[in-house]
Amino acid sequence: MTSPLEQKKIKITGPSIVTANRTIDGAVIYRTPAKEWSTDLAHAAVVRAADEARTLLAESVADDLGAVGAYIAPVEVSDGKIAPGNLREQIRRSGVTIGLPAIGLPVQA
């Protein structure tokens, strides 16, 4: 897979979605068929052809007020359920992989 930042030549080898990060809080979001964003992968628009992916990506990149860093990511579809198609997307969906400091939070005994 090409770098998300360098997707000039789009190669689709299976079902794919467009994902990004929400500008307000950095949450992982997915482009929906209604041309909106959702934090729920189940609501993502799934494309299977390069032309569809290019169109969905272009629409998503144009929405730079609501999302940043949009790119195409592989998914697996089984029994109508969508799952991340590679390790990177599994990690992004699960959240941060390191412990974050508890800055400004009260210490509990």
Protein backbone atom coordinates (compact mmCIF):
# COMPACT_ATOMS: atom_id res chain seq x y z
CA MET A 1 0.00 0.00 0.00
CA THR A 2 1.27 3.46 -0.78
CA SER A 3 1.73 6.05 1.89
CA PRO A 4 -1.58 7.71 2.76
CA LEU A 5 0.02 11.04 1.92
CA GLU A 6 1.16 9.88 -1.53
CA GLN A 7 -1.91 8.26 -3.04
CA LYS A 8 -1.50 9.58 -6.55
CA LYS A 9 -1.88 6.20 -8.25
CA ILE A 10 -4.76 4.44 -6.61
CA LYS A 11 -4.60 0.66 -6.72
CA ILE A 12 -7.60 -1.12 -5.31
CA THR A 13 -7.12 -4.83 -4.67
CA GLY A 14 -10.30 -5.33 -2.67
CA PRO A 15 -12.89 -3.43 -0.68
CA SER A 16 -11.67 -0.04 0.54
CA ILE A 17 -12.90 2.96 2.50
CA VAL A 18 -11.81 6.56 3.03
CA THR A 19 -10.64 7.43 6.52
CA ALA A 20 -9.28 10.60 8.13
CA ASN A 21 -9.04 12.35 11.47
CA ARG A 22 -11.68 14.72 12.77
CA THR A 23 -10.27 18.25 13.07
CA ILE A 24 -11.93 19.10 16.37
CA ASP A 25 -10.51 16.23 18.43
CA GLY A 26 -8.40 13.98 16.19
CA ALA A 27 -10.83 11.05 16.32
CA VAL A 28 -10.59 8.46 13.54
CA ILE A 29 -13.50 8.96 11.15
CA TYR A 30 -14.84 7.26 8.04
CA ARG A 31 -16.57 8.71 4.97
CA THR A 32 -20.18 7.53 4.67
CA PRO A 33 -22.33 6.99 1.55
CA ALA A 34 -24.22 10.17 2.55
CA LYS A 35 -20.95 12.14 2.14
CA GLU A 36 -20.68 12.71 5.87
CA TRP A 37 -18.18 11.50 8.47
CA SER A 38 -18.77 8.85 11.13
CA THR A 39 -16.63 7.42 13.92
CA ASP A 40 -18.32 4.06 13.29
CA LEU A 41 -16.56 1.90 10.69
CA ALA A 42 -19.87 0.10 10.06
CA HIS A 43 -21.20 3.32 8.49
CA ALA A 44 -18.31 3.69 6.02
CA ALA A 45 -18.88 3.78 2.28
CA VAL A 46 -17.13 0.74 0.78
CA VAL A 47 -15.71 1.05 -2.74
CA ARG A 48 -14.26 -1.69 -4.92
CA ALA A 49 -12.91 0.15 -7.96
CA ALA A 50 -10.15 2.75 -8.40
CA ASP A 51 -12.53 5.28 -10.02
CA GLU A 52 -14.96 5.03 -7.10
CA ALA A 53 -12.08 5.38 -4.64
CA ARG A 54 -10.70 8.43 -6.45
CA THR A 55 -14.11 10.13 -6.40
CA LEU A 56 -14.73 9.35 -2.72
CA LEU A 57 -11.24 10.53 -1.78
CA ALA A 58 -11.59 13.78 -3.74
CA GLU A 59 -14.90 14.57 -2.02
CA SER A 60 -13.37 13.76 1.35
CA VAL A 61 -10.25 15.88 0.84
CA ALA A 62 -12.49 18.81 -0.13
CA ASP A 63 -14.06 18.61 3.36
CA ASP A 64 -10.93 19.94 5.05
CA LEU A 65 -12.91 21.79 7.71
CA GLY A 66 -14.29 18.61 9.24
CA ALA A 67 -11.45 16.20 8.54
CA VAL A 68 -7.73 16.14 7.80
CA GLY A 69 -5.43 13.57 6.26
CA ALA A 70 -8.04 11.65 4.27
CA TYR A 71 -6.77 8.54 2.52
CA ILE A 72 -7.94 5.21 1.14
CA ALA A 73 -7.60 2.19 3.39
CA PRO A 74 -8.31 -1.50 2.79
CA VAL A 75 -11.10 -3.25 4.65
CA GLU A 76 -12.45 -6.75 4.89
CA VAL A 77 -16.17 -7.32 4.41
CA SER A 78 -17.66 -10.52 5.75
CA ASP A 79 -21.36 -11.21 6.30
CA GLY A 80 -22.05 -7.51 5.78
CA LYS A 81 -19.65 -6.46 8.55
CA ILE A 82 -16.69 -4.20 7.86
CA ALA A 83 -13.34 -4.77 9.57
CA PRO A 84 -9.95 -3.06 9.15
CA GLY A 85 -7.97 -4.66 6.34
CA ASN A 86 -4.45 -4.13 7.67
CA LEU A 87 -2.54 -3.65 10.92
CA ARG A 88 -2.33 0.14 10.60
CA GLU A 89 -6.12 0.45 10.46
CA GLN A 90 -6.57 -2.04 13.30
CA ILE A 91 -4.33 0.14 15.47
CA ARG A 92 -6.04 3.39 14.44
CA ARG A 93 -9.44 1.91 15.24
CA SER A 94 -8.29 0.66 18.65
CA GLY A 95 -6.84 3.98 19.76
CA VAL A 96 -3.43 5.03 21.01
CA THR A 97 -0.79 2.37 21.56
CA ILE A 98 1.06 4.07 24.40
CA GLY A 99 0.03 5.23 27.84
CA LEU A 100 -0.71 8.94 27.89
CA PRO A 101 0.29 11.08 30.88
CA ALA A 102 -2.52 12.13 33.20
CA ILE A 103 -1.76 15.85 32.99
CA GLY A 104 -4.13 17.96 35.03
CA LEU A 105 -6.06 15.00 36.39
CA PRO A 106 -6.39 14.51 40.12
CA VAL A 107 -4.41 11.65 41.60
CA GLN A 108 -6.61 8.90 42.99
CA ALA A 109 -5.51 6.85 45.98
